[in-house]
Amino acid sequence: MNHQDILKDIGQIRSMMERSSKFMSINGLSGVLIGCVALIGAAAGYYIVYGTKSEFGYRDHYVLDDQVLWKLVVIAVLVLLVSVVTGVWMAKTKAKKIGQTIWNPTSKALAKAMSIPLATGGLFSLILIYRGDYSLVASSLLIFYGLALAAASVFTFSEVRVLGILEILLGLLALAFPGYGIWFWSIGFGVLHIVYGLIVHKKYEK
């Protein structure tokens, strides 16, 4: 066995070890679908708040209106449920193809890494809504979601870390420019997910 063969074997062993320690069942196309669902939800939210017949050229309703607020909550919950179901279903399908189980020690570690930032961000946002500080909700969710992705990236694709950092930056921009939360949401949860999904699909699944 020559030097090149030894290096090749070492590379293969290293690749196998990295693969076994990372959750590779995340489906890139699920990111694309989730991004599309988020854009549809954002468009629906925009229509509810801003409408198409504003007499002042600004908006038809305010988020403070009870009926508007509950409609936005319903849309957000529906988008979340559809996104979770889509992600889990497509991850199961991919895991089956590559001979993995979706619930294994690595996926458990990934879930634990994400749970603290997500739970904290969710509770923080609920407190903001209870206090009536709606302008901070969009930025808060983007920042905490980005922190969750950055924490989980240790256990999966490196692209997840980049996505997380971009979400955090968008959240900070949303904090600096209040009143444009729906646009930052559309970019963060919609456009970035679509781009990320296409990159992962092309790099790992073709």
C-alpha atoms as a PDB file:
ATOM      1  CA  MET A   1       0.000   0.000   0.000  1.00  0.00           C
ATOM      2  CA  ASN A   2       1.534   3.301  -1.088  1.00  0.00           C
ATOM      3  CA  HIS A   3       1.256   6.746   0.439  1.00  0.00           C
ATOM      4  CA  GLN A   4      -1.646   7.816  -1.801  1.00  0.00           C
ATOM      5  CA  ASP A   5      -3.688   4.746  -0.867  1.00  0.00           C
ATOM      6  CA  ILE A   6      -3.136   5.432   2.825  1.00  0.00           C
ATOM      7  CA  LEU A   7      -4.285   9.050   2.445  1.00  0.00           C
ATOM      8  CA  LYS A   8      -7.333   7.891   0.477  1.00  0.00           C
ATOM      9  CA  ASP A   9      -8.277   5.365   3.167  1.00  0.00           C
ATOM     10  CA  ILE A  10      -7.835   7.969   5.893  1.00  0.00           C
ATOM     11  CA  GLY A  11     -10.060  10.368   3.938  1.00  0.00           C
ATOM     12  CA  GLN A  12     -12.764   7.723   3.570  1.00  0.00           C
ATOM     13  CA  ILE A  13     -12.623   6.873   7.280  1.00  0.00           C
ATOM     14  CA  ARG A  14     -12.855  10.540   8.195  1.00  0.00           C
ATOM     15  CA  SER A  15     -15.813  11.013   5.848  1.00  0.00           C
ATOM     16  CA  MET A  16     -17.602   8.026   7.398  1.00  0.00           C
ATOM     17  CA  MET A  17     -16.987   9.343  10.925  1.00  0.00           C
ATOM     18  CA  GLU A  18     -18.283  12.807  10.020  1.00  0.00           C
ATOM     19  CA  ARG A  19     -21.333  11.305   8.337  1.00  0.00           C
ATOM     20  CA  SER A  20     -22.132   9.153  11.352  1.00  0.00           C
ATOM     21  CA  SER A  21     -21.857  12.136  13.705  1.00  0.00           C
ATOM     22  CA  LYS A  22     -24.053  14.473  11.638  1.00  0.00           C
ATOM     23  CA  PHE A  23     -27.742  14.433  10.827  1.00  0.00           C
ATOM     24  CA  MET A  24     -27.794  14.234   7.030  1.00  0.00           C
ATOM     25  CA  SER A  25     -31.514  13.582   6.537  1.00  0.00           C
ATOM     26  CA  ILE A  26     -32.464  17.232   6.170  1.00  0.00           C
ATOM     27  CA  ASN A  27     -34.002  17.524   2.716  1.00  0.00           C
ATOM     28  CA  GLY A  28     -32.964  20.519   0.637  1.00  0.00           C
ATOM     29  CA  LEU A  29     -36.226  20.606  -1.285  1.00  0.00           C
ATOM     30  CA  SER A  30     -38.128  20.829   1.999  1.00  0.00           C
ATOM     31  CA  GLY A  31     -36.334  24.123   2.592  1.00  0.00           C
ATOM     32  CA  VAL A  32     -37.607  25.354  -0.768  1.00  0.00           C
ATOM     33  CA  LEU A  33     -41.186  24.308   0.035  1.00  0.00           C
ATOM     34  CA  ILE A  34     -41.028  25.807   3.526  1.00  0.00           C
ATOM     35  CA  GLY A  35     -39.745  29.059   2.041  1.00  0.00           C
ATOM     36  CA  CYS A  36     -42.634  29.128  -0.436  1.00  0.00           C
ATOM     37  CA  VAL A  37     -45.153  28.492   2.352  1.00  0.00           C
ATOM     38  CA  ALA A  38     -43.604  31.339   4.358  1.00  0.00           C
ATOM     39  CA  LEU A  39     -43.902  33.703   1.388  1.00  0.00           C
ATOM     40  CA  ILE A  40     -47.570  32.755   0.924  1.00  0.00           C
ATOM     41  CA  GLY A  41     -48.183  33.375   4.635  1.00  0.00           C
ATOM     42  CA  ALA A  42     -46.376  36.727   4.482  1.00  0.00           C
ATOM     43  CA  ALA A  43     -48.438  37.753   1.446  1.00  0.00           C
ATOM     44  CA  ALA A  44     -51.648  36.838   3.269  1.00  0.00           C
ATOM     45  CA  GLY A  45     -50.538  38.810   6.332  1.00  0.00           C
ATOM     46  CA  TYR A  46     -49.646  41.804   4.187  1.00  0.00           C
ATOM     47  CA  TYR A  47     -53.049  41.705   2.508  1.00  0.00           C
ATOM     48  CA  ILE A  48     -54.850  41.548   5.873  1.00  0.00           C
ATOM     49  CA  VAL A  49     -52.980  44.544   7.309  1.00  0.00           C
ATOM     50  CA  TYR A  50     -52.393  46.749   4.278  1.00  0.00           C
ATOM     51  CA  GLY A  51     -55.252  45.651   2.048  1.00  0.00           C
ATOM     52  CA  THR A  52     -55.818  47.118  -1.389  1.00  0.00           C
ATOM     53  CA  LYS A  53     -58.255  49.990  -0.741  1.00  0.00           C
ATOM     54  CA  SER A  54     -56.485  52.181   1.762  1.00  0.00           C
ATOM     55  CA  GLU A  55     -57.805  55.737   1.647  1.00  0.00           C
ATOM     56  CA  PHE A  56     -54.517  57.065   3.003  1.00  0.00           C
ATOM     57  CA  GLY A  57     -52.194  55.025   0.781  1.00  0.00           C
ATOM     58  CA  TYR A  58     -50.702  53.355   3.831  1.00  0.00           C
ATOM     59  CA  ARG A  59     -52.757  50.552   5.397  1.00  0.00           C
ATOM     60  CA  ASP A  60     -56.352  49.500   5.873  1.00  0.00           C
ATOM     61  CA  HIS A  61     -55.982  48.081   9.387  1.00  0.00           C
ATOM     62  CA  TYR A  62     -53.696  48.093  12.400  1.00  0.00           C
ATOM     63  CA  VAL A  63     -52.157  45.066  14.055  1.00  0.00           C
ATOM     64  CA  LEU A  64     -53.652  46.278  17.341  1.00  0.00           C
ATOM     65  CA  ASP A  65     -57.149  45.485  16.045  1.00  0.00           C
ATOM     66  CA  ASP A  66     -58.290  42.256  17.698  1.00  0.00           C
ATOM     67  CA  GLN A  67     -59.685  40.726  14.515  1.00  0.00           C
ATOM     68  CA  VAL A  68     -56.518  41.520  12.566  1.00  0.00           C
ATOM     69  CA  LEU A  69     -54.251  40.210  15.315  1.00  0.00           C
ATOM     70  CA  TRP A  70     -56.063  36.879  15.548  1.00  0.00           C
ATOM     71  CA  LYS A  71     -56.019  36.458  11.786  1.00  0.00           C
ATOM     72  CA  LEU A  72     -52.261  37.004  11.782  1.00  0.00           C
ATOM     73  CA  VAL A  73     -51.833  34.501  14.622  1.00  0.00           C
ATOM     74  CA  VAL A  74     -53.871  31.906  12.722  1.00  0.00           C
ATOM     75  CA  ILE A  75     -51.759  32.440   9.593  1.00  0.00           C
ATOM     76  CA  ALA A  76     -48.533  32.141  11.603  1.00  0.00           C
ATOM     77  CA  VAL A  77     -49.697  28.907  13.267  1.00  0.00           C
ATOM     78  CA  LEU A  78     -50.772  27.414   9.929  1.00  0.00           C
ATOM     79  CA  VAL A  79     -47.442  28.307   8.322  1.00  0.00           C
ATOM     80  CA  LEU A  80     -45.590  26.771  11.273  1.00  0.00           C
ATOM     81  CA  LEU A  81     -47.626  23.550  11.195  1.00  0.00           C
ATOM     82  CA  VAL A  82     -47.303  23.110   7.430  1.00  0.00           C
ATOM     83  CA  SER A  83     -43.571  23.816   7.624  1.00  0.00           C
ATOM     84  CA  VAL A  84     -42.971  21.323  10.442  1.00  0.00           C
ATOM     85  CA  VAL A  85     -45.046  18.593   8.775  1.00  0.00           C
ATOM     86  CA  THR A  86     -43.292  19.180   5.439  1.00  0.00           C
ATOM     87  CA  GLY A  87     -39.832  19.151   6.995  1.00  0.00           C
ATOM     88  CA  VAL A  88     -40.433  16.003   9.063  1.00  0.00           C
ATOM     89  CA  TRP A  89     -42.109  14.087   6.233  1.00  0.00           C
ATOM     90  CA  MET A  90     -39.387  14.877   3.708  1.00  0.00           C
ATOM     91  CA  ALA A  91     -36.656  14.168   6.260  1.00  0.00           C
ATOM     92  CA  LYS A  92     -38.199  10.735   6.909  1.00  0.00           C
ATOM     93  CA  THR A  93     -38.301  10.053   3.182  1.00  0.00           C
ATOM     94  CA  LYS A  94     -34.640  10.999   2.748  1.00  0.00           C
ATOM     95  CA  ALA A  95     -33.578   9.081   5.866  1.00  0.00           C
ATOM     96  CA  LYS A  96     -35.224   5.950   4.498  1.00  0.00           C
ATOM     97  CA  LYS A  97     -33.346   6.305   1.206  1.00  0.00           C
ATOM     98  CA  ILE A  98     -29.925   6.666   2.840  1.00  0.00           C
ATOM     99  CA  GLY A  99     -30.562   3.970   5.436  1.00  0.00           C
ATOM    100  CA  GLN A 100     -30.899   6.225   8.492  1.00  0.00           C
ATOM    101  CA  THR A 101     -33.594   6.694  11.089  1.00  0.00           C
ATOM    102  CA  ILE A 102     -34.898  10.196  11.617  1.00  0.00           C
ATOM    103  CA  TRP A 103     -34.793   9.836  15.410  1.00  0.00           C
ATOM    104  CA  ASN A 104     -31.264   8.856  16.434  1.00  0.00           C
ATOM    105  CA  PRO A 105     -28.654  10.169  18.911  1.00  0.00           C
ATOM    106  CA  THR A 106     -27.493  12.824  16.437  1.00  0.00           C
ATOM    107  CA  SER A 107     -30.990  14.126  15.669  1.00  0.00           C
ATOM    108  CA  LYS A 108     -31.764  14.145  19.403  1.00  0.00           C
ATOM    109  CA  ALA A 109     -28.658  16.267  20.038  1.00  0.00           C
ATOM    110  CA  LEU A 110     -29.696  18.590  17.202  1.00  0.00           C
ATOM    111  CA  ALA A 111     -33.197  18.960  18.648  1.00  0.00           C
ATOM    112  CA  LYS A 112     -31.786  19.734  22.103  1.00  0.00           C
ATOM    113  CA  ALA A 113     -29.427  22.343  20.665  1.00  0.00           C
ATOM    114  CA  MET A 114     -32.317  24.112  18.930  1.00  0.00           C
ATOM    115  CA  SER A 115     -34.885  23.783  21.705  1.00  0.00           C
ATOM    116  CA  ILE A 116     -33.474  26.351  24.147  1.00  0.00           C
ATOM    117  CA  PRO A 117     -33.142  29.277  21.661  1.00  0.00           C
ATOM    118  CA  LEU A 118     -36.496  28.433  20.031  1.00  0.00           C
ATOM    119  CA  ALA A 119     -38.363  28.094  23.337  1.00  0.00           C
ATOM    120  CA  THR A 120     -36.784  31.287  24.675  1.00  0.00           C
ATOM    121  CA  GLY A 121     -37.592  33.174  21.492  1.00  0.00           C
ATOM    122  CA  GLY A 122     -41.168  31.915  21.467  1.00  0.00           C
ATOM    123  CA  LEU A 123     -41.797  32.910  25.093  1.00  0.00           C
ATOM    124  CA  PHE A 124     -40.051  36.242  24.607  1.00  0.00           C
ATOM    125  CA  SER A 125     -42.265  37.002  21.604  1.00  0.00           C
ATOM    126  CA  LEU A 126     -45.424  36.016  23.503  1.00  0.00           C
ATOM    127  CA  ILE A 127     -44.422  38.424  26.265  1.00  0.00           C
ATOM    128  CA  LEU A 128     -43.908  41.171  23.676  1.00  0.00           C
ATOM    129  CA  ILE A 129     -47.359  40.482  22.209  1.00  0.00           C
ATOM    130  CA  TYR A 130     -48.922  40.511  25.697  1.00  0.00           C
ATOM    131  CA  ARG A 131     -47.269  43.876  26.379  1.00  0.00           C
ATOM    132  CA  GLY A 132     -48.320  45.239  22.987  1.00  0.00           C
ATOM    133  CA  ASP A 133     -44.759  45.662  21.679  1.00  0.00           C
ATOM    134  CA  TYR A 134     -45.592  44.251  18.245  1.00  0.00           C
ATOM    135  CA  SER A 135     -42.803  46.098  16.447  1.00  0.00           C
ATOM    136  CA  LEU A 136     -40.191  43.907  18.148  1.00  0.00           C
ATOM    137  CA  VAL A 137     -41.775  40.515  17.411  1.00  0.00           C
ATOM    138  CA  ALA A 138     -40.391  40.096  13.882  1.00  0.00           C
ATOM    139  CA  SER A 139     -36.829  40.945  14.869  1.00  0.00           C
ATOM    140  CA  SER A 140     -36.973  38.751  17.975  1.00  0.00           C
ATOM    141  CA  LEU A 141     -38.161  35.655  16.128  1.00  0.00           C
ATOM    142  CA  LEU A 142     -35.553  36.085  13.397  1.00  0.00           C
ATOM    143  CA  ILE A 143     -32.729  36.521  15.918  1.00  0.00           C
ATOM    144  CA  PHE A 144     -33.688  33.568  18.120  1.00  0.00           C
ATOM    145  CA  TYR A 145     -34.346  31.376  15.084  1.00  0.00           C
ATOM    146  CA  GLY A 146     -30.904  32.271  13.770  1.00  0.00           C
ATOM    147  CA  LEU A 147     -29.343  31.405  17.133  1.00  0.00           C
ATOM    148  CA  ALA A 148     -31.127  28.039  17.074  1.00  0.00           C
ATOM    149  CA  LEU A 149     -29.807  27.274  13.582  1.00  0.00           C
ATOM    150  CA  ALA A 150     -26.279  28.277  14.543  1.00  0.00           C
ATOM    151  CA  ALA A 151     -26.406  25.989  17.578  1.00  0.00           C
ATOM    152  CA  ALA A 152     -27.798  23.087  15.540  1.00  0.00           C
ATOM    153  CA  SER A 153     -25.303  23.474  12.690  1.00  0.00           C
ATOM    154  CA  VAL A 154     -22.716  21.477  14.651  1.00  0.00           C
ATOM    155  CA  PHE A 155     -24.838  18.382  14.046  1.00  0.00           C
ATOM    156  CA  THR A 156     -25.722  18.861  10.368  1.00  0.00           C
ATOM    157  CA  PHE A 157     -24.747  20.712   7.183  1.00  0.00           C
ATOM    158  CA  SER A 158     -22.359  23.661   7.517  1.00  0.00           C
ATOM    159  CA  GLU A 159     -24.780  25.681   5.370  1.00  0.00           C
ATOM    160  CA  VAL A 160     -27.192  25.716   8.313  1.00  0.00           C
ATOM    161  CA  ARG A 161     -24.722  27.865  10.252  1.00  0.00           C
ATOM    162  CA  VAL A 162     -24.540  30.372   7.398  1.00  0.00           C
ATOM    163  CA  LEU A 163     -28.338  30.459   7.254  1.00  0.00           C
ATOM    164  CA  GLY A 164     -28.456  31.062  11.006  1.00  0.00           C
ATOM    165  CA  ILE A 165     -26.003  33.969  10.826  1.00  0.00           C
ATOM    166  CA  LEU A 166     -27.984  35.567   8.006  1.00  0.00           C
ATOM    167  CA  GLU A 167     -31.215  35.206  10.016  1.00  0.00           C
ATOM    168  CA  ILE A 168     -29.565  36.936  12.983  1.00  0.00           C
ATOM    169  CA  LEU A 169     -28.356  39.789  10.788  1.00  0.00           C
ATOM    170  CA  LEU A 170     -31.842  40.212   9.312  1.00  0.00           C
ATOM    171  CA  GLY A 171     -33.287  40.248  12.821  1.00  0.00           C
ATOM    172  CA  LEU A 172     -30.899  43.032  13.824  1.00  0.00           C
ATOM    173  CA  LEU A 173     -31.839  44.991  10.702  1.00  0.00           C
ATOM    174  CA  ALA A 174     -35.532  44.505  11.534  1.00  0.00           C
ATOM    175  CA  LEU A 175     -34.761  45.870  15.000  1.00  0.00           C
ATOM    176  CA  ALA A 176     -33.049  48.912  13.473  1.00  0.00           C
ATOM    177  CA  PHE A 177     -35.873  49.529  10.987  1.00  0.00           C
ATOM    178  CA  PRO A 178     -39.188  48.910  12.803  1.00  0.00           C
ATOM    179  CA  GLY A 179     -42.326  48.843  10.684  1.00  0.00           C
ATOM    180  CA  TYR A 180     -40.825  46.633   7.983  1.00  0.00           C
ATOM    181  CA  GLY A 181     -41.058  43.370   9.885  1.00  0.00           C
ATOM    182  CA  ILE A 182     -43.145  41.602   7.251  1.00  0.00           C
ATOM    183  CA  TRP A 183     -40.500  42.322   4.605  1.00  0.00           C
ATOM    184  CA  PHE A 184     -37.684  41.018   6.791  1.00  0.00           C
ATOM    185  CA  TRP A 185     -39.804  37.953   7.602  1.00  0.00           C
ATOM    186  CA  SER A 186     -40.370  37.354   3.901  1.00  0.00           C
ATOM    187  CA  ILE A 187     -36.637  37.481   3.236  1.00  0.00           C
ATOM    188  CA  GLY A 188     -35.616  35.490   6.312  1.00  0.00           C
ATOM    189  CA  PHE A 189     -38.216  32.739   6.419  1.00  0.00           C
ATOM    190  CA  GLY A 190     -39.015  32.779   2.711  1.00  0.00           C
ATOM    191  CA  VAL A 191     -36.221  33.782   0.346  1.00  0.00           C
ATOM    192  CA  LEU A 192     -33.295  32.567   2.468  1.00  0.00           C
ATOM    193  CA  HIS A 193     -34.923  29.161   2.997  1.00  0.00           C
ATOM    194  CA  ILE A 194     -35.477  28.771  -0.734  1.00  0.00           C
ATOM    195  CA  VAL A 195     -31.853  29.685  -1.526  1.00  0.00           C
ATOM    196  CA  TYR A 196     -30.546  27.430   1.267  1.00  0.00           C
ATOM    197  CA  GLY A 197     -32.726  24.540   0.109  1.00  0.00           C
ATOM    198  CA  LEU A 198     -31.525  24.826  -3.478  1.00  0.00           C
ATOM    199  CA  ILE A 199     -27.876  24.923  -2.375  1.00  0.00           C
ATOM    200  CA  VAL A 200     -28.247  21.856  -0.135  1.00  0.00           C
ATOM    201  CA  HIS A 201     -30.162  19.962  -2.817  1.00  0.00           C
ATOM    202  CA  LYS A 202     -27.562  20.689  -5.480  1.00  0.00           C
ATOM    203  CA  LYS A 203     -24.565  19.995  -3.205  1.00  0.00           C
ATOM    204  CA  TYR A 204     -25.697  16.919  -1.297  1.00  0.00           C
ATOM    205  CA  GLU A 205     -28.646  15.342  -3.093  1.00  0.00           C
ATOM    206  CA  LYS A 206     -27.802  15.295  -6.803  1.00  0.00           C
END
